């Protein structure tokens, strides 16, 4: 991927969990239709759980704890495992054209994007950021970011959640041990496996913008499109609780 190629930048958090998931899909659909490539950053203001597209709700989420705390559970369009969106987490979404070098396959996309993100974060931490499993970013053997992708014919959505100063005890309460795990986890519980970077979100945003040359300011997707996607998908129990 050409580091000099510019893309647009959107720093925007929607008013609720469903709208934030819809925004990533809306940007993907726009790029698929010939629109711009985008780096979006956002931060949740309240906790919610997000399932991967193929996850089974009853296996991957502690529903009793979610109900007790009135924490919603939603499902995204990308793969990967369940995550808890928490204050103190920075989310980034890259919406790129699949004709970029390095994005030809799922595996190559994972490697090319994560290598660039790792290179951007390493100087901030004074330690090398390494890629483990298929899509985890780690310091040593501790994971601080999970990532996933959704591919269309002409565009790909690659998004991830970076733990900065999140409540890991709450995360451990809401998610049981995952049904599938990478070998390097070695059955460690969440509190022994995950790591907060303790970096300011603004510093990480700047590093990501610089890494992707995201210089053109962008506007959020049209409200009507976001509302349609919420009605069709993210606001429907049939979508969020299926499987």
C-alpha atoms as a PDB file:
ATOM      1  CA  UNK A   1       0.000   0.000   0.000  1.00  0.00           C
ATOM      2  CA  UNK A   2       1.277   3.419  -0.967  1.00  0.00           C
ATOM      3  CA  UNK A   3       1.823   5.484   2.219  1.00  0.00           C
ATOM      4  CA  UNK A   4       1.572   8.725   0.205  1.00  0.00           C
ATOM      5  CA  UNK A   5      -1.965   7.964  -0.955  1.00  0.00           C
ATOM      6  CA  UNK A   6      -4.416  10.148   0.938  1.00  0.00           C
ATOM      7  CA  UNK A   7      -7.773   9.130   2.346  1.00  0.00           C
ATOM      8  CA  UNK A   8     -10.467  11.045   4.195  1.00  0.00           C
ATOM      9  CA  UNK A   9     -10.735  11.210   7.986  1.00  0.00           C
ATOM     10  CA  UNK A  10     -13.904  11.055  10.070  1.00  0.00           C
ATOM     11  CA  UNK A  11     -13.752  11.622  13.824  1.00  0.00           C
ATOM     12  CA  UNK A  12     -17.375  10.956  14.739  1.00  0.00           C
ATOM     13  CA  UNK A  13     -19.208   9.009  17.426  1.00  0.00           C
ATOM     14  CA  UNK A  14     -22.889   8.349  16.869  1.00  0.00           C
ATOM     15  CA  UNK A  15     -25.557   8.898  19.518  1.00  0.00           C
ATOM     16  CA  UNK A  16     -26.090   5.196  20.329  1.00  0.00           C
ATOM     17  CA  UNK A  17     -24.514   1.758  19.796  1.00  0.00           C
ATOM     18  CA  UNK A  18     -26.634   0.803  16.771  1.00  0.00           C
ATOM     19  CA  UNK A  19     -25.801   4.018  14.927  1.00  0.00           C
ATOM     20  CA  UNK A  20     -22.082   3.498  15.503  1.00  0.00           C
ATOM     21  CA  UNK A  21     -22.224   0.041  13.927  1.00  0.00           C
ATOM     22  CA  UNK A  22     -24.380   1.383  11.107  1.00  0.00           C
ATOM     23  CA  UNK A  23     -21.856   4.144  10.383  1.00  0.00           C
ATOM     24  CA  UNK A  24     -19.092   1.668   9.546  1.00  0.00           C
ATOM     25  CA  UNK A  25     -21.395  -0.203   7.179  1.00  0.00           C
ATOM     26  CA  UNK A  26     -22.596   3.031   5.559  1.00  0.00           C
ATOM     27  CA  UNK A  27     -19.007   4.076   4.835  1.00  0.00           C
ATOM     28  CA  UNK A  28     -18.317   0.635   3.368  1.00  0.00           C
ATOM     29  CA  UNK A  29     -21.359   0.830   1.087  1.00  0.00           C
ATOM     30  CA  UNK A  30     -20.344   4.299  -0.068  1.00  0.00           C
ATOM     31  CA  UNK A  31     -16.829   3.124  -0.970  1.00  0.00           C
ATOM     32  CA  UNK A  32     -18.240   0.063  -2.753  1.00  0.00           C
ATOM     33  CA  UNK A  33     -20.345   2.413  -4.862  1.00  0.00           C
ATOM     34  CA  UNK A  34     -17.273   4.424  -5.888  1.00  0.00           C
ATOM     35  CA  UNK A  35     -17.033   6.804  -2.943  1.00  0.00           C
ATOM     36  CA  UNK A  36     -13.941   7.750  -0.948  1.00  0.00           C
ATOM     37  CA  UNK A  37     -11.714   5.674   1.265  1.00  0.00           C
ATOM     38  CA  UNK A  38     -11.990   6.620   4.926  1.00  0.00           C
ATOM     39  CA  UNK A  39     -10.360   6.308   8.321  1.00  0.00           C
ATOM     40  CA  UNK A  40     -12.964   6.733  11.050  1.00  0.00           C
ATOM     41  CA  UNK A  41     -12.264   6.982  14.796  1.00  0.00           C
ATOM     42  CA  UNK A  42     -14.860   6.878  17.558  1.00  0.00           C
ATOM     43  CA  UNK A  43     -15.201   6.181  21.276  1.00  0.00           C
ATOM     44  CA  UNK A  44     -18.181   4.618  23.074  1.00  0.00           C
ATOM     45  CA  UNK A  45     -19.716   6.664  25.869  1.00  0.00           C
ATOM     46  CA  UNK A  46     -21.562   3.717  27.457  1.00  0.00           C
ATOM     47  CA  UNK A  47     -20.843  -0.029  27.555  1.00  0.00           C
ATOM     48  CA  UNK A  48     -22.336  -2.436  25.023  1.00  0.00           C
ATOM     49  CA  UNK A  49     -21.437  -5.883  23.727  1.00  0.00           C
ATOM     50  CA  UNK A  50     -20.851  -6.594  20.041  1.00  0.00           C
ATOM     51  CA  UNK A  51     -20.975 -10.084  18.559  1.00  0.00           C
ATOM     52  CA  UNK A  52     -19.093 -11.080  15.441  1.00  0.00           C
ATOM     53  CA  UNK A  53     -21.282 -11.899  12.467  1.00  0.00           C
ATOM     54  CA  UNK A  54     -21.140 -15.662  13.023  1.00  0.00           C
ATOM     55  CA  UNK A  55     -20.989 -15.809  16.842  1.00  0.00           C
ATOM     56  CA  UNK A  56     -23.524 -17.763  18.860  1.00  0.00           C
ATOM     57  CA  UNK A  57     -25.037 -15.472  21.464  1.00  0.00           C
ATOM     58  CA  UNK A  58     -25.433 -18.084  24.180  1.00  0.00           C
ATOM     59  CA  UNK A  59     -21.796 -19.212  23.871  1.00  0.00           C
ATOM     60  CA  UNK A  60     -20.008 -15.875  23.700  1.00  0.00           C
ATOM     61  CA  UNK A  61     -21.920 -13.540  26.045  1.00  0.00           C
ATOM     62  CA  UNK A  62     -22.880 -13.649  29.714  1.00  0.00           C
ATOM     63  CA  UNK A  63     -26.486 -12.663  29.097  1.00  0.00           C
ATOM     64  CA  UNK A  64     -27.444 -12.676  32.771  1.00  0.00           C
ATOM     65  CA  UNK A  65     -24.780 -10.069  33.529  1.00  0.00           C
ATOM     66  CA  UNK A  66     -25.812  -7.970  30.524  1.00  0.00           C
ATOM     67  CA  UNK A  67     -29.454  -8.048  31.579  1.00  0.00           C
ATOM     68  CA  UNK A  68     -28.583  -7.261  35.176  1.00  0.00           C
ATOM     69  CA  UNK A  69     -26.639  -4.178  34.110  1.00  0.00           C
ATOM     70  CA  UNK A  70     -29.014  -3.255  31.250  1.00  0.00           C
ATOM     71  CA  UNK A  71     -26.156  -3.498  28.744  1.00  0.00           C
ATOM     72  CA  UNK A  72     -27.307  -4.059  25.148  1.00  0.00           C
ATOM     73  CA  UNK A  73     -25.946  -6.776  22.886  1.00  0.00           C
ATOM     74  CA  UNK A  74     -25.615  -6.095  19.157  1.00  0.00           C
ATOM     75  CA  UNK A  75     -24.088  -7.848  16.168  1.00  0.00           C
ATOM     76  CA  UNK A  76     -21.725  -6.355  13.581  1.00  0.00           C
ATOM     77  CA  UNK A  77     -21.345  -7.310   9.913  1.00  0.00           C
ATOM     78  CA  UNK A  78     -17.710  -8.408  10.232  1.00  0.00           C
ATOM     79  CA  UNK A  79     -16.290 -11.647  11.577  1.00  0.00           C
ATOM     80  CA  UNK A  80     -14.196 -12.222  14.675  1.00  0.00           C
ATOM     81  CA  UNK A  81     -15.193 -12.735  18.274  1.00  0.00           C
ATOM     82  CA  UNK A  82     -17.380 -10.888  20.753  1.00  0.00           C
ATOM     83  CA  UNK A  83     -16.059  -7.617  22.172  1.00  0.00           C
ATOM     84  CA  UNK A  84     -17.211  -5.229  24.862  1.00  0.00           C
ATOM     85  CA  UNK A  85     -17.320  -1.604  23.808  1.00  0.00           C
ATOM     86  CA  UNK A  86     -16.358   0.479  26.841  1.00  0.00           C
ATOM     87  CA  UNK A  87     -15.427   4.040  27.651  1.00  0.00           C
ATOM     88  CA  UNK A  88     -11.646   4.071  27.476  1.00  0.00           C
ATOM     89  CA  UNK A  89     -11.657   2.158  24.183  1.00  0.00           C
ATOM     90  CA  UNK A  90     -10.705   3.790  20.888  1.00  0.00           C
ATOM     91  CA  UNK A  91     -12.259   2.298  17.780  1.00  0.00           C
ATOM     92  CA  UNK A  92     -10.880   2.769  14.307  1.00  0.00           C
ATOM     93  CA  UNK A  93     -12.407   1.718  10.997  1.00  0.00           C
ATOM     94  CA  UNK A  94     -10.569   1.669   7.691  1.00  0.00           C
ATOM     95  CA  UNK A  95     -12.702   1.558   4.574  1.00  0.00           C
ATOM     96  CA  UNK A  96     -10.437   0.890   1.612  1.00  0.00           C
ATOM     97  CA  UNK A  97     -10.709  -0.206  -2.003  1.00  0.00           C
ATOM     98  CA  UNK A  98      -9.791  -3.829  -2.581  1.00  0.00           C
ATOM     99  CA  UNK A  99      -7.648  -2.930  -5.601  1.00  0.00           C
ATOM    100  CA  UNK A 100      -4.982  -1.543  -3.262  1.00  0.00           C
ATOM    101  CA  UNK A 101      -1.853  -3.731  -3.212  1.00  0.00           C
ATOM    102  CA  UNK A 102      -1.918  -6.007  -0.179  1.00  0.00           C
ATOM    103  CA  UNK A 103      -5.700  -6.253   0.075  1.00  0.00           C
ATOM    104  CA  UNK A 104      -6.232  -9.117  -2.371  1.00  0.00           C
ATOM    105  CA  UNK A 105      -7.247 -11.727   0.224  1.00  0.00           C
ATOM    106  CA  UNK A 106      -8.481 -11.869   3.812  1.00  0.00           C
ATOM    107  CA  UNK A 107      -5.103 -13.028   5.106  1.00  0.00           C
ATOM    108  CA  UNK A 108      -3.078 -10.461   3.155  1.00  0.00           C
ATOM    109  CA  UNK A 109      -5.431  -7.680   4.238  1.00  0.00           C
ATOM    110  CA  UNK A 110      -5.030  -8.655   7.884  1.00  0.00           C
ATOM    111  CA  UNK A 111      -1.255  -8.666   7.583  1.00  0.00           C
ATOM    112  CA  UNK A 112      -0.852  -5.456   5.544  1.00  0.00           C
ATOM    113  CA  UNK A 113      -3.150  -3.323   7.677  1.00  0.00           C
ATOM    114  CA  UNK A 114      -2.012  -4.665  11.036  1.00  0.00           C
ATOM    115  CA  UNK A 115       1.651  -4.205  10.146  1.00  0.00           C
ATOM    116  CA  UNK A 116       1.008  -0.544   9.431  1.00  0.00           C
ATOM    117  CA  UNK A 117      -1.026  -0.028  12.594  1.00  0.00           C
ATOM    118  CA  UNK A 118       1.641  -1.806  14.665  1.00  0.00           C
ATOM    119  CA  UNK A 119       4.354   0.394  13.160  1.00  0.00           C
ATOM    120  CA  UNK A 120       2.322   3.498  14.017  1.00  0.00           C
ATOM    121  CA  UNK A 121       1.838   2.498  17.661  1.00  0.00           C
ATOM    122  CA  UNK A 122       5.293   1.115  18.450  1.00  0.00           C
ATOM    123  CA  UNK A 123       7.026   4.526  18.836  1.00  0.00           C
ATOM    124  CA  UNK A 124       4.308   5.651  21.264  1.00  0.00           C
ATOM    125  CA  UNK A 125       4.928   2.675  23.529  1.00  0.00           C
ATOM    126  CA  UNK A 126       8.686   2.296  23.368  1.00  0.00           C
ATOM    127  CA  UNK A 127       8.194  -1.425  22.793  1.00  0.00           C
ATOM    128  CA  UNK A 128       7.453  -3.366  19.630  1.00  0.00           C
ATOM    129  CA  UNK A 129       3.793  -4.032  18.899  1.00  0.00           C
ATOM    130  CA  UNK A 130       3.420  -7.564  17.556  1.00  0.00           C
ATOM    131  CA  UNK A 131       0.681  -9.367  15.629  1.00  0.00           C
ATOM    132  CA  UNK A 132      -0.489 -12.612  17.234  1.00  0.00           C
ATOM    133  CA  UNK A 133      -3.214 -15.053  16.318  1.00  0.00           C
ATOM    134  CA  UNK A 134      -4.881 -13.871  13.123  1.00  0.00           C
ATOM    135  CA  UNK A 135      -5.881 -10.313  14.036  1.00  0.00           C
ATOM    136  CA  UNK A 136      -4.656  -9.467  17.532  1.00  0.00           C
ATOM    137  CA  UNK A 137      -2.253  -6.632  18.361  1.00  0.00           C
ATOM    138  CA  UNK A 138      -0.153  -7.286  21.443  1.00  0.00           C
ATOM    139  CA  UNK A 139       2.593  -6.070  23.704  1.00  0.00           C
ATOM    140  CA  UNK A 140       4.487  -9.236  24.443  1.00  0.00           C
ATOM    141  CA  UNK A 141       1.792 -11.852  24.963  1.00  0.00           C
ATOM    142  CA  UNK A 142      -0.876  -9.434  26.165  1.00  0.00           C
ATOM    143  CA  UNK A 143      -3.600  -8.371  23.741  1.00  0.00           C
ATOM    144  CA  UNK A 144      -4.696  -4.745  23.551  1.00  0.00           C
ATOM    145  CA  UNK A 145      -6.605  -4.734  20.242  1.00  0.00           C
ATOM    146  CA  UNK A 146      -8.826  -7.112  18.320  1.00  0.00           C
ATOM    147  CA  UNK A 147      -9.674  -6.574  14.667  1.00  0.00           C
ATOM    148  CA  UNK A 148     -12.068  -7.889  12.030  1.00  0.00           C
ATOM    149  CA  UNK A 149     -13.010  -7.282   8.419  1.00  0.00           C
ATOM    150  CA  UNK A 150     -15.953  -7.368   6.034  1.00  0.00           C
ATOM    151  CA  UNK A 151     -15.252  -7.638   2.321  1.00  0.00           C
ATOM    152  CA  UNK A 152     -17.396  -6.607  -0.606  1.00  0.00           C
ATOM    153  CA  UNK A 153     -16.377  -6.767  -4.240  1.00  0.00           C
ATOM    154  CA  UNK A 154     -14.710  -3.351  -4.483  1.00  0.00           C
ATOM    155  CA  UNK A 155     -14.268  -2.292  -0.851  1.00  0.00           C
ATOM    156  CA  UNK A 156     -13.262  -3.714   2.500  1.00  0.00           C
ATOM    157  CA  UNK A 157     -14.096  -2.610   6.029  1.00  0.00           C
ATOM    158  CA  UNK A 158     -11.310  -3.343   8.504  1.00  0.00           C
ATOM    159  CA  UNK A 159     -12.018  -2.222  12.040  1.00  0.00           C
ATOM    160  CA  UNK A 160     -10.562  -2.693  15.484  1.00  0.00           C
ATOM    161  CA  UNK A 161     -10.925  -1.736  19.153  1.00  0.00           C
ATOM    162  CA  UNK A 162      -7.867  -0.495  21.061  1.00  0.00           C
ATOM    163  CA  UNK A 163      -7.903  -0.759  24.859  1.00  0.00           C
ATOM    164  CA  UNK A 164      -6.563   2.450  26.365  1.00  0.00           C
ATOM    165  CA  UNK A 165      -8.093   2.827  29.821  1.00  0.00           C
ATOM    166  CA  UNK A 166     -11.111   0.523  29.834  1.00  0.00           C
ATOM    167  CA  UNK A 167     -12.734  -1.290  32.747  1.00  0.00           C
ATOM    168  CA  UNK A 168     -11.373  -4.795  32.224  1.00  0.00           C
ATOM    169  CA  UNK A 169     -13.214  -6.140  35.253  1.00  0.00           C
ATOM    170  CA  UNK A 170     -16.528  -5.240  33.617  1.00  0.00           C
ATOM    171  CA  UNK A 171     -15.379  -6.811  30.367  1.00  0.00           C
ATOM    172  CA  UNK A 172     -14.565 -10.043  32.197  1.00  0.00           C
ATOM    173  CA  UNK A 173     -17.994  -9.983  33.818  1.00  0.00           C
ATOM    174  CA  UNK A 174     -19.838  -9.639  30.500  1.00  0.00           C
ATOM    175  CA  UNK A 175     -17.868 -12.131  28.396  1.00  0.00           C
ATOM    176  CA  UNK A 176     -17.233 -15.767  29.326  1.00  0.00           C
ATOM    177  CA  UNK A 177     -14.068 -17.433  28.160  1.00  0.00           C
ATOM    178  CA  UNK A 178     -14.354 -17.498  24.342  1.00  0.00           C
ATOM    179  CA  UNK A 179     -15.321 -20.732  22.625  1.00  0.00           C
ATOM    180  CA  UNK A 180     -12.327 -20.315  20.291  1.00  0.00           C
ATOM    181  CA  UNK A 181      -8.999 -18.777  21.197  1.00  0.00           C
ATOM    182  CA  UNK A 182      -5.547 -18.371  19.634  1.00  0.00           C
ATOM    183  CA  UNK A 183      -2.816 -20.687  20.830  1.00  0.00           C
ATOM    184  CA  UNK A 184      -0.816 -17.892  22.444  1.00  0.00           C
ATOM    185  CA  UNK A 185      -3.659 -17.155  24.896  1.00  0.00           C
ATOM    186  CA  UNK A 186      -3.023 -20.481  26.670  1.00  0.00           C
ATOM    187  CA  UNK A 187      -6.392 -20.452  28.449  1.00  0.00           C
ATOM    188  CA  UNK A 188      -5.582 -17.250  30.343  1.00  0.00           C
ATOM    189  CA  UNK A 189      -8.650 -15.444  31.755  1.00  0.00           C
ATOM    190  CA  UNK A 190      -9.485 -12.012  30.393  1.00  0.00           C
ATOM    191  CA  UNK A 191      -7.772 -10.095  33.220  1.00  0.00           C
ATOM    192  CA  UNK A 192      -4.495 -11.969  32.635  1.00  0.00           C
ATOM    193  CA  UNK A 193      -4.718 -11.794  28.852  1.00  0.00           C
ATOM    194  CA  UNK A 194      -5.800  -8.215  28.076  1.00  0.00           C
ATOM    195  CA  UNK A 195      -3.888  -4.970  28.524  1.00  0.00           C
ATOM    196  CA  UNK A 196      -4.742  -1.264  28.567  1.00  0.00           C
ATOM    197  CA  UNK A 197      -2.148   0.866  26.776  1.00  0.00           C
ATOM    198  CA  UNK A 198      -2.658   3.881  29.079  1.00  0.00           C
ATOM    199  CA  UNK A 199      -2.230   6.274  26.154  1.00  0.00           C
ATOM    200  CA  UNK A 200      -4.348   9.366  25.455  1.00  0.00           C
ATOM    201  CA  UNK A 201      -6.886   8.720  22.718  1.00  0.00           C
ATOM    202  CA  UNK A 202      -5.843  11.899  20.908  1.00  0.00           C
ATOM    203  CA  UNK A 203      -2.263  10.645  20.594  1.00  0.00           C
ATOM    204  CA  UNK A 204      -3.394   7.332  19.104  1.00  0.00           C
ATOM    205  CA  UNK A 205      -5.760   9.104  16.713  1.00  0.00           C
ATOM    206  CA  UNK A 206      -2.913  11.265  15.435  1.00  0.00           C
ATOM    207  CA  UNK A 207      -0.656   8.248  14.941  1.00  0.00           C
ATOM    208  CA  UNK A 208      -3.337   6.455  12.926  1.00  0.00           C
ATOM    209  CA  UNK A 209      -4.046   9.539  10.829  1.00  0.00           C
ATOM    210  CA  UNK A 210      -0.352   9.947  10.058  1.00  0.00           C
ATOM    211  CA  UNK A 211       0.051   6.261   9.210  1.00  0.00           C
ATOM    212  CA  UNK A 212      -2.787   6.372   6.685  1.00  0.00           C
ATOM    213  CA  UNK A 213      -2.251   9.919   5.466  1.00  0.00           C
ATOM    214  CA  UNK A 214      -5.866  10.649   6.390  1.00  0.00           C
ATOM    215  CA  UNK A 215      -5.900  14.380   5.747  1.00  0.00           C
ATOM    216  CA  UNK A 216      -9.248  15.231   4.143  1.00  0.00           C
ATOM    217  CA  UNK A 217     -12.027  15.986   6.655  1.00  0.00           C
ATOM    218  CA  UNK A 218     -15.175  13.914   6.120  1.00  0.00           C
ATOM    219  CA  UNK A 219     -18.797  14.296   7.104  1.00  0.00           C
ATOM    220  CA  UNK A 220     -20.780  11.511   8.818  1.00  0.00           C
ATOM    221  CA  UNK A 221     -22.940   9.317   6.589  1.00  0.00           C
ATOM    222  CA  UNK A 222     -26.412  10.697   5.859  1.00  0.00           C
ATOM    223  CA  UNK A 223     -28.774  10.360   8.810  1.00  0.00           C
ATOM    224  CA  UNK A 224     -31.419   8.731   6.620  1.00  0.00           C
ATOM    225  CA  UNK A 225     -29.017   5.959   5.593  1.00  0.00           C
ATOM    226  CA  UNK A 226     -27.955   5.349   9.188  1.00  0.00           C
ATOM    227  CA  UNK A 227     -31.584   5.167  10.274  1.00  0.00           C
ATOM    228  CA  UNK A 228     -32.348   2.693   7.483  1.00  0.00           C
ATOM    229  CA  UNK A 229     -29.458   0.438   8.486  1.00  0.00           C
ATOM    230  CA  UNK A 230     -30.518   0.546  12.134  1.00  0.00           C
ATOM    231  CA  UNK A 231     -34.089  -0.409  11.156  1.00  0.00           C
ATOM    232  CA  UNK A 232     -32.943  -3.162   8.823  1.00  0.00           C
ATOM    233  CA  UNK A 233     -30.217  -4.622  10.997  1.00  0.00           C
ATOM    234  CA  UNK A 234     -28.692  -3.161  14.145  1.00  0.00           C
ATOM    235  CA  UNK A 235     -31.919  -2.211  15.842  1.00  0.00           C
ATOM    236  CA  UNK A 236     -33.601  -5.568  15.207  1.00  0.00           C
ATOM    237  CA  UNK A 237     -33.563  -8.405  17.708  1.00  0.00           C
ATOM    238  CA  UNK A 238     -33.785 -10.861  14.794  1.00  0.00           C
ATOM    239  CA  UNK A 239     -30.353  -9.701  13.635  1.00  0.00           C
ATOM    240  CA  UNK A 240     -28.656  -9.164  16.975  1.00  0.00           C
ATOM    241  CA  UNK A 241     -29.772 -12.406  18.645  1.00  0.00           C
ATOM    242  CA  UNK A 242     -29.835 -14.815  15.682  1.00  0.00           C
ATOM    243  CA  UNK A 243     -27.914 -18.108  15.778  1.00  0.00           C
END
